[in-house]
Amino acid sequence: MASAGITPREELDIKTADIKAAAPAFQQGAVDLSKALTTLIKTLDGLGEPWGHDKQGDQFGAVYKPHRKNVESAAGILVLGLTSIHEAMVDLSDGHVDNDKLIGGMFTQIKTGKQSGGAGER
């Protein structure tokens, strides 16, 4: 920890505003990656199979196609992951605010009037 600039006695202090400020970057990353993935897929689909269908072309295609699908699938998973992180950060910051209000409410003074019927009173 000390090598990261944090001494053992320091506490991790994450502000709600920091979480809310960071969350949109993950959503924008998801949008940008999704657009890039769509462009990639459309472009590659538009090219067809330029390697041809001779023996060497068929061998290349047999190896290329599954790898292409794996890359497309992985990029799709990354889009979903970035979106999920964004949603989790928003939920976390909202929950943090709600929790702060709840805890704050537990420690406010409650004005009370004179109580009757307590121990020793009749």
Protein backbone atom coordinates (compact mmCIF):
# COMPACT_ATOMS: atom_id res chain seq x y z
CA MET A 1 0.00 0.00 0.00
CA ALA A 2 2.74 2.43 0.89
CA SER A 3 4.13 2.12 -2.63
CA ALA A 4 0.80 3.38 -4.01
CA GLY A 5 1.11 6.56 -1.96
CA ILE A 6 -1.23 5.43 0.82
CA THR A 7 0.12 4.96 4.29
CA PRO A 8 -1.34 2.14 6.41
CA ARG A 9 -3.15 4.63 8.67
CA GLU A 10 -4.97 6.45 5.87
CA GLU A 11 -8.54 5.57 5.06
CA LEU A 12 -10.03 5.21 1.64
CA ASP A 13 -12.21 8.26 1.14
CA ILE A 14 -14.52 8.05 -1.84
CA LYS A 15 -16.93 10.92 -2.26
CA THR A 16 -20.37 10.44 -3.77
CA ALA A 17 -19.61 13.26 -6.19
CA ASP A 18 -16.51 11.39 -7.40
CA ILE A 19 -18.57 8.28 -8.14
CA LYS A 20 -21.25 10.28 -9.95
CA ALA A 21 -18.59 12.14 -11.94
CA ALA A 22 -16.84 8.92 -13.02
CA ALA A 23 -19.96 6.94 -13.97
CA PRO A 24 -20.69 8.74 -17.28
CA ALA A 25 -17.20 7.92 -18.59
CA PHE A 26 -18.06 4.23 -18.47
CA GLN A 27 -21.35 4.80 -20.29
CA GLN A 28 -19.60 6.88 -22.96
CA GLY A 29 -16.99 4.17 -23.34
CA ALA A 30 -19.76 1.62 -23.87
CA VAL A 31 -21.43 3.82 -26.50
CA ASP A 32 -18.15 4.47 -28.32
CA LEU A 33 -17.12 0.81 -28.27
CA SER A 34 -20.56 -0.26 -29.47
CA LYS A 35 -20.37 2.15 -32.41
CA ALA A 36 -16.87 0.92 -33.29
CA LEU A 37 -18.01 -2.70 -33.08
CA THR A 38 -20.98 -2.01 -35.33
CA THR A 39 -18.71 -0.29 -37.86
CA LEU A 40 -16.26 -3.20 -37.75
CA ILE A 41 -18.98 -5.81 -38.29
CA LYS A 42 -20.62 -3.88 -41.15
CA THR A 43 -17.27 -3.26 -42.84
CA LEU A 44 -16.14 -6.87 -42.57
CA ASP A 45 -19.54 -8.11 -43.74
CA GLY A 46 -19.31 -5.74 -46.71
CA LEU A 47 -15.98 -7.24 -47.74
CA GLY A 48 -17.47 -10.69 -48.03
CA GLU A 49 -14.83 -13.40 -48.38
CA PRO A 50 -12.02 -11.75 -50.35
CA TRP A 51 -9.66 -14.64 -49.65
CA GLY A 52 -11.40 -16.71 -52.31
CA HIS A 53 -12.46 -20.32 -52.31
CA ASP A 54 -9.43 -22.16 -53.49
CA LYS A 55 -7.75 -24.62 -51.13
CA GLN A 56 -5.69 -21.95 -49.36
CA GLY A 57 -8.65 -19.52 -49.18
CA ASP A 58 -10.92 -22.17 -47.67
CA GLN A 59 -8.26 -23.03 -45.08
CA PHE A 60 -7.88 -19.35 -44.18
CA GLY A 61 -11.67 -18.87 -43.97
CA ALA A 62 -12.06 -21.92 -41.73
CA VAL A 63 -9.60 -20.40 -39.24
CA TYR A 64 -10.62 -16.74 -39.67
CA LYS A 65 -14.40 -17.00 -39.22
CA PRO A 66 -14.43 -18.49 -35.69
CA HIS A 67 -11.76 -16.03 -34.55
CA ARG A 68 -13.74 -13.13 -35.98
CA LYS A 69 -16.84 -14.26 -34.10
CA ASN A 70 -14.82 -14.57 -30.89
CA VAL A 71 -13.47 -11.03 -31.25
CA GLU A 72 -16.95 -9.67 -31.96
CA SER A 73 -18.37 -11.55 -28.98
CA ALA A 74 -15.61 -10.33 -26.66
CA ALA A 75 -16.15 -6.73 -27.73
CA GLY A 76 -19.89 -7.15 -27.12
CA ILE A 77 -19.17 -8.45 -23.62
CA LEU A 78 -16.97 -5.40 -22.98
CA VAL A 79 -19.84 -3.11 -24.03
CA LEU A 80 -22.15 -4.85 -21.57
CA GLY A 81 -19.47 -4.71 -18.87
CA LEU A 82 -18.93 -0.97 -19.28
CA THR A 83 -22.68 -0.38 -19.17
CA SER A 84 -22.95 -2.54 -16.05
CA ILE A 85 -20.16 -0.61 -14.32
CA HIS A 86 -21.91 2.66 -15.15
CA GLU A 87 -25.22 1.42 -13.72
CA ALA A 88 -23.54 0.02 -10.61
CA MET A 89 -21.72 3.29 -9.94
CA VAL A 90 -24.96 5.26 -10.28
CA ASP A 91 -26.76 2.83 -7.96
CA LEU A 92 -23.86 2.92 -5.51
CA SER A 93 -23.79 6.70 -5.37
CA ASP A 94 -27.58 6.87 -5.00
CA GLY A 95 -27.48 4.26 -2.24
CA HIS A 96 -24.64 6.10 -0.54
CA VAL A 97 -26.66 9.33 -0.49
CA ASP A 98 -29.73 7.51 0.83
CA ASN A 99 -27.64 5.75 3.46
CA ASP A 100 -26.08 9.05 4.59
CA LYS A 101 -29.56 10.55 5.02
CA LEU A 102 -30.74 7.48 6.93
CA ILE A 103 -27.77 7.53 9.28
CA GLY A 104 -28.02 11.29 9.68
CA GLY A 105 -31.65 10.86 10.71
CA MET A 106 -30.67 8.39 13.40
CA PHE A 107 -28.52 10.96 15.14
CA THR A 108 -30.78 13.99 15.16
CA GLN A 109 -32.17 15.21 18.42
CA ILE A 110 -35.79 14.48 19.01
CA LYS A 111 -37.68 17.02 21.09
CA THR A 112 -39.69 15.33 23.74
CA GLY A 113 -42.24 16.64 26.15
CA LYS A 114 -42.62 15.65 29.77
CA GLN A 115 -43.37 11.96 29.89
CA SER A 116 -45.77 10.47 32.35
CA GLY A 117 -46.34 6.96 33.50
CA GLY A 118 -42.65 6.21 33.94
CA ALA A 119 -41.16 4.17 36.72
CA GLY A 120 -42.01 5.51 40.14
CA GLU A 121 -44.97 7.62 38.95
CA ARG A 122 -48.58 6.80 39.75
